[in-house]
Amino acid sequence: TARRGAEDSERKAGAARKQVRATALIASRKLAKQAIRAADQARWPEAEIRAEAAASMVPDGPWGEYAMGMIALARRDRQGAQSRLRIVLEKHPDHIASRADLSRILAMEGRLDA
């Protein structure tokens, strides 16, 4: 019974860790979107602070790097944006927003090699 109790505790702890990560990813995504909105309005310091916060909230998540890519695009730095989005896609190949925005940037340049 002690073993069963330990297994149950470990299962609950694992479920709690998953919930914490899911919540952190949601918050990171929200910060990234706020960063992008700030960049679209040329509020550069706010955009960078929010993007950095998104990255630090989930260091191995996609949202901080994605936000930095979109900030680069707002600054008309297509190369920087492409580089950031490719980094996201190397780590998170299923990150749809990065794939869509990278494709959009390449289409602006007349390239279709996404």
Protein backbone atom coordinates (compact mmCIF):
# COMPACT_ATOMS: atom_id res chain seq x y z
CA THR A 1 0.00 0.00 0.00
CA ALA A 2 2.91 2.38 0.63
CA ARG A 3 4.12 1.71 -2.90
CA ARG A 4 0.65 2.31 -4.31
CA GLY A 5 0.47 5.61 -2.40
CA ALA A 6 3.85 6.68 -3.78
CA GLU A 7 2.78 5.82 -7.32
CA ASP A 8 -0.43 7.79 -6.86
CA SER A 9 1.51 10.78 -5.55
CA GLU A 10 3.91 10.64 -8.48
CA ARG A 11 1.02 10.45 -10.95
CA LYS A 12 -0.62 13.49 -9.35
CA ALA A 13 2.68 15.39 -9.38
CA GLY A 14 3.15 14.60 -13.08
CA ALA A 15 -0.35 15.83 -13.86
CA ALA A 16 0.30 19.01 -11.89
CA ARG A 17 3.56 19.65 -13.80
CA LYS A 18 1.70 19.26 -17.11
CA GLN A 19 -0.97 21.71 -15.97
CA VAL A 20 1.66 24.25 -14.88
CA ARG A 21 3.39 24.00 -18.26
CA ALA A 22 0.11 24.36 -20.16
CA THR A 23 -0.75 27.46 -18.14
CA ALA A 24 2.73 28.90 -18.71
CA LEU A 25 2.44 28.32 -22.48
CA ILE A 26 -0.89 30.15 -22.54
CA ALA A 27 0.60 33.09 -20.64
CA SER A 28 3.69 33.09 -22.88
CA ARG A 29 1.48 33.18 -25.99
CA LYS A 30 -0.50 36.09 -24.56
CA LEU A 31 2.71 38.04 -23.83
CA ALA A 32 3.98 37.31 -27.35
CA LYS A 33 0.78 38.66 -28.89
CA GLN A 34 1.04 41.78 -26.71
CA ALA A 35 4.65 42.21 -27.85
CA ILE A 36 3.62 41.96 -31.51
CA ARG A 37 0.81 44.45 -31.02
CA ALA A 38 3.25 46.88 -29.34
CA ALA A 39 5.71 46.46 -32.23
CA ASP A 40 2.97 47.10 -34.77
CA GLN A 41 2.46 50.45 -32.99
CA ALA A 42 6.24 51.14 -32.88
CA ARG A 43 6.34 50.84 -29.08
CA TRP A 44 9.72 49.10 -29.31
CA PRO A 45 10.82 48.97 -25.65
CA GLU A 46 7.46 47.53 -24.58
CA ALA A 47 7.53 45.03 -27.43
CA GLU A 48 10.99 43.78 -26.49
CA ILE A 49 10.18 43.56 -22.78
CA ARG A 50 7.04 41.54 -23.46
CA ALA A 51 8.83 39.25 -25.93
CA GLU A 52 11.63 38.64 -23.42
CA ALA A 53 9.02 37.88 -20.74
CA ALA A 54 7.34 35.40 -23.08
CA ALA A 55 10.69 33.71 -23.68
CA SER A 56 11.66 33.56 -20.01
CA MET A 57 8.27 32.19 -18.98
CA VAL A 58 8.80 29.05 -21.11
CA PRO A 59 12.46 29.04 -22.24
CA ASP A 60 12.00 25.97 -24.45
CA GLY A 61 8.67 27.19 -25.86
CA PRO A 62 8.09 28.87 -29.22
CA TRP A 63 6.43 32.14 -28.26
CA GLY A 64 9.33 34.34 -27.18
CA GLU A 65 11.39 33.65 -30.30
CA TYR A 66 8.28 33.99 -32.47
CA ALA A 67 7.54 37.40 -30.96
CA MET A 68 11.13 38.52 -31.59
CA GLY A 69 10.74 37.43 -35.21
CA MET A 70 7.58 39.43 -35.61
CA ILE A 71 9.21 42.45 -33.96
CA ALA A 72 12.02 42.16 -36.52
CA LEU A 73 9.42 42.08 -39.29
CA ALA A 74 7.69 45.16 -37.87
CA ARG A 75 11.10 46.87 -38.06
CA ARG A 76 11.28 45.80 -41.70
CA ASP A 77 14.11 43.38 -40.98
CA ARG A 78 12.94 40.48 -43.08
CA GLN A 79 16.22 38.58 -42.74
CA GLY A 80 16.09 38.84 -38.95
CA ALA A 81 12.46 37.77 -38.95
CA GLN A 82 13.20 34.78 -41.17
CA SER A 83 16.09 33.75 -38.96
CA ARG A 84 13.98 33.89 -35.77
CA LEU A 85 11.08 32.01 -37.35
CA ARG A 86 13.40 29.30 -38.68
CA ILE A 87 14.80 28.86 -35.16
CA VAL A 88 11.27 28.34 -33.85
CA LEU A 89 10.51 25.83 -36.59
CA GLU A 90 13.70 23.86 -35.93
CA LYS A 91 12.59 23.31 -32.35
CA HIS A 92 8.82 23.29 -32.94
CA PRO A 93 8.09 22.13 -36.51
CA ASP A 94 4.37 22.15 -35.79
CA HIS A 95 4.25 25.83 -34.76
CA ILE A 96 1.66 26.99 -37.27
CA ALA A 97 2.03 30.74 -36.67
CA SER A 98 5.78 30.61 -37.41
CA ARG A 99 5.27 28.51 -40.53
CA ALA A 100 2.53 30.83 -41.82
CA ASP A 101 4.49 34.01 -41.15
CA LEU A 102 7.70 32.62 -42.63
CA SER A 103 5.75 31.64 -45.75
CA ARG A 104 4.25 35.13 -45.90
CA ILE A 105 7.71 36.75 -45.66
CA LEU A 106 9.11 34.50 -48.36
CA ALA A 107 6.12 35.27 -50.59
CA MET A 108 6.79 39.01 -50.12
CA GLU A 109 10.25 38.32 -51.51
CA GLY A 110 8.91 36.25 -54.36
CA ARG A 111 10.37 33.05 -52.86
CA LEU A 112 8.41 29.89 -52.30
CA ASP A 113 11.07 27.74 -50.58
CA ALA A 114 9.43 27.60 -47.14
